[in-house]
């Protein structure tokens, strides 16, 4: 099973006019367009095809998950889960993951620095092993069993820039 970990795409800045609530920050029009191209490149260049997604309930993450669902071949369903809000609730996230592992390849959509810490935890490396720019995605494979600490192998990590977007 492959577990993809994605950081939300490019959003407006907290404190900008209309951005006084961090949970409601939206992707910018340019961020949406760039993430369309990023996901298309991930599908074409890396075979990015999640079967099910979990996303932070924050608006920018829900919008990112929606783009993934619309632009990937399997058009996966997604769940908004509090566990992926800022400051991840790992036990709750792992419960969601265990419940959905049989669906196939999964994708978590969240925030930095949480996504960096999650990938480090999954592969058993120090935090900072992967740096997540906005719109980045990492693929972690679990070949020998369930998703758990240190059991994954980092297959790849892509930024929009590394994909030529």
Protein backbone atom coordinates (compact mmCIF):
# COMPACT_ATOMS: atom_id res chain seq x y z
CA UNK A 1 0.00 0.00 0.00
CA UNK A 2 1.18 3.50 -0.75
CA UNK A 3 0.35 6.35 1.59
CA UNK A 4 0.66 9.76 -0.03
CA UNK A 5 1.20 12.77 2.22
CA UNK A 6 0.30 16.14 0.69
CA UNK A 7 0.67 19.70 1.89
CA UNK A 8 -2.13 22.02 0.87
CA UNK A 9 -1.66 24.16 -2.24
CA UNK A 10 -1.00 27.91 -2.32
CA UNK A 11 -3.42 29.92 -0.18
CA UNK A 12 -3.93 33.52 0.80
CA UNK A 13 -1.93 34.79 3.76
CA UNK A 14 -3.40 34.87 7.23
CA UNK A 15 -4.23 38.48 8.07
CA UNK A 16 -4.79 39.57 4.47
CA UNK A 17 -8.14 41.28 3.83
CA UNK A 18 -10.77 38.54 4.06
CA UNK A 19 -8.32 36.14 5.79
CA UNK A 20 -8.91 36.83 9.48
CA UNK A 21 -9.81 33.20 10.30
CA UNK A 22 -6.98 30.76 9.56
CA UNK A 23 -9.38 27.84 9.20
CA UNK A 24 -11.18 29.62 6.35
CA UNK A 25 -8.19 30.68 4.22
CA UNK A 26 -8.82 29.75 0.60
CA UNK A 27 -6.49 28.78 -2.21
CA UNK A 28 -5.60 31.69 -4.46
CA UNK A 29 -6.73 31.59 -8.10
CA UNK A 30 -3.08 31.18 -9.14
CA UNK A 31 -2.66 28.48 -6.47
CA UNK A 32 -5.63 26.55 -7.84
CA UNK A 33 -4.34 26.72 -11.41
CA UNK A 34 -0.82 25.74 -10.37
CA UNK A 35 -2.11 22.80 -8.33
CA UNK A 36 -4.16 21.56 -11.30
CA UNK A 37 -0.89 21.38 -13.23
CA UNK A 38 0.95 19.87 -10.24
CA UNK A 39 -1.56 17.04 -9.82
CA UNK A 40 -1.64 16.40 -13.57
CA UNK A 41 2.18 16.13 -13.54
CA UNK A 42 2.09 13.82 -10.49
CA UNK A 43 -0.34 11.52 -12.28
CA UNK A 44 1.70 11.51 -15.48
CA UNK A 45 5.21 11.40 -14.02
CA UNK A 46 4.71 9.49 -10.75
CA UNK A 47 1.52 7.46 -11.14
CA UNK A 48 -0.23 9.41 -8.38
CA UNK A 49 -3.55 7.56 -8.01
CA UNK A 50 -4.91 7.52 -4.45
CA UNK A 51 -8.01 5.43 -3.76
CA UNK A 52 -9.18 7.40 -0.71
CA UNK A 53 -8.23 10.70 0.92
CA UNK A 54 -8.38 12.22 4.36
CA UNK A 55 -8.04 15.98 4.69
CA UNK A 56 -7.82 18.64 7.33
CA UNK A 57 -11.18 20.39 7.59
CA UNK A 58 -9.47 23.76 6.94
CA UNK A 59 -10.77 25.29 3.71
CA UNK A 60 -7.42 25.32 1.88
CA UNK A 61 -6.93 21.60 2.54
CA UNK A 62 -10.47 20.71 1.50
CA UNK A 63 -9.92 22.64 -1.73
CA UNK A 64 -6.60 20.81 -2.25
CA UNK A 65 -8.28 17.43 -1.66
CA UNK A 66 -11.06 18.39 -4.08
CA UNK A 67 -8.49 19.09 -6.80
CA UNK A 68 -6.79 15.74 -6.14
CA UNK A 69 -10.15 13.96 -6.33
CA UNK A 70 -11.09 15.72 -9.56
CA UNK A 71 -7.72 15.37 -11.34
CA UNK A 72 -6.69 11.80 -10.50
CA UNK A 73 -7.97 8.77 -12.45
CA UNK A 74 -9.82 7.05 -9.60
CA UNK A 75 -11.75 10.18 -8.51
CA UNK A 76 -11.39 9.17 -4.85
CA UNK A 77 -13.79 10.13 -2.11
CA UNK A 78 -12.40 12.07 0.83
CA UNK A 79 -13.17 12.56 4.48
CA UNK A 80 -12.65 15.79 6.40
CA UNK A 81 -11.08 14.74 9.69
CA UNK A 82 -10.09 16.91 12.64
CA UNK A 83 -7.02 14.71 13.14
CA UNK A 84 -5.32 16.47 10.20
CA UNK A 85 -6.02 19.99 11.46
CA UNK A 86 -3.02 22.03 12.61
CA UNK A 87 -1.32 19.96 15.32
CA UNK A 88 -2.11 16.42 14.14
CA UNK A 89 -3.99 14.01 16.41
CA UNK A 90 -1.94 10.91 15.58
CA UNK A 91 -4.13 8.30 17.34
CA UNK A 92 -7.25 9.59 15.55
CA UNK A 93 -5.39 9.75 12.21
CA UNK A 94 -4.11 6.20 12.62
CA UNK A 95 -7.64 5.00 13.47
CA UNK A 96 -8.94 6.54 10.21
CA UNK A 97 -6.03 4.97 8.32
CA UNK A 98 -6.60 1.50 9.79
CA UNK A 99 -10.29 1.75 8.91
CA UNK A 100 -9.53 2.62 5.26
CA UNK A 101 -6.34 0.66 4.46
CA UNK A 102 -8.35 -1.99 2.64
CA UNK A 103 -9.51 0.69 0.14
CA UNK A 104 -6.03 0.70 -1.43
CA UNK A 105 -3.63 3.62 -1.65
CA UNK A 106 -4.45 6.46 0.73
CA UNK A 107 -3.63 10.17 0.81
CA UNK A 108 -3.47 12.52 3.79
CA UNK A 109 -3.81 16.27 3.05
CA UNK A 110 -2.56 18.56 5.78
CA UNK A 111 -0.39 21.42 6.99
CA UNK A 112 3.27 22.11 7.59
CA UNK A 113 5.15 21.36 9.82
CA UNK A 114 2.78 18.46 10.52
CA UNK A 115 3.24 16.80 7.12
CA UNK A 116 7.04 16.88 7.54
CA UNK A 117 6.75 15.29 10.98
CA UNK A 118 4.31 12.65 9.70
CA UNK A 119 6.62 11.53 6.88
CA UNK A 120 9.56 11.37 9.31
CA UNK A 121 7.46 9.28 11.71
CA UNK A 122 6.28 6.96 8.93
CA UNK A 123 9.81 6.21 7.69
CA UNK A 124 11.52 6.27 11.10
CA UNK A 125 13.77 9.23 10.34
CA UNK A 126 14.40 12.53 12.09
CA UNK A 127 12.01 15.38 11.42
CA UNK A 128 13.28 17.40 8.49
CA UNK A 129 14.16 14.41 6.30
CA UNK A 130 11.73 15.89 3.77
CA UNK A 131 10.94 19.59 3.38
CA UNK A 132 7.39 20.32 2.23
CA UNK A 133 6.85 23.39 0.09
CA UNK A 134 3.21 24.29 -0.57
CA UNK A 135 1.64 21.76 -2.93
CA UNK A 136 4.29 19.07 -2.26
CA UNK A 137 3.45 15.37 -2.14
CA UNK A 138 5.43 12.42 -0.77
CA UNK A 139 4.78 8.72 -1.39
CA UNK A 140 5.54 6.25 1.40
CA UNK A 141 5.22 2.52 0.73
CA UNK A 142 4.15 -0.07 3.30
CA UNK A 143 5.05 -3.36 1.63
CA UNK A 144 5.22 -5.65 4.63
CA UNK A 145 2.21 -4.70 6.70
CA UNK A 146 0.09 -1.95 8.19
CA UNK A 147 0.90 1.74 8.47
CA UNK A 148 2.92 2.23 11.63
CA UNK A 149 5.91 4.15 12.95
CA UNK A 150 9.08 3.47 10.99
CA UNK A 151 7.55 0.79 8.75
CA UNK A 152 7.37 2.87 5.59
CA UNK A 153 9.85 3.46 2.79
CA UNK A 154 9.98 6.88 1.16
CA UNK A 155 9.51 6.23 -2.56
CA UNK A 156 9.53 9.84 -3.70
CA UNK A 157 8.86 13.43 -2.74
CA UNK A 158 7.88 16.02 -5.34
CA UNK A 159 7.45 19.76 -5.30
CA UNK A 160 5.72 21.69 -8.06
CA UNK A 161 9.12 23.04 -9.07
CA UNK A 162 10.67 19.56 -9.31
CA UNK A 163 7.79 18.57 -11.59
CA UNK A 164 8.40 21.55 -13.86
CA UNK A 165 5.25 23.39 -12.75
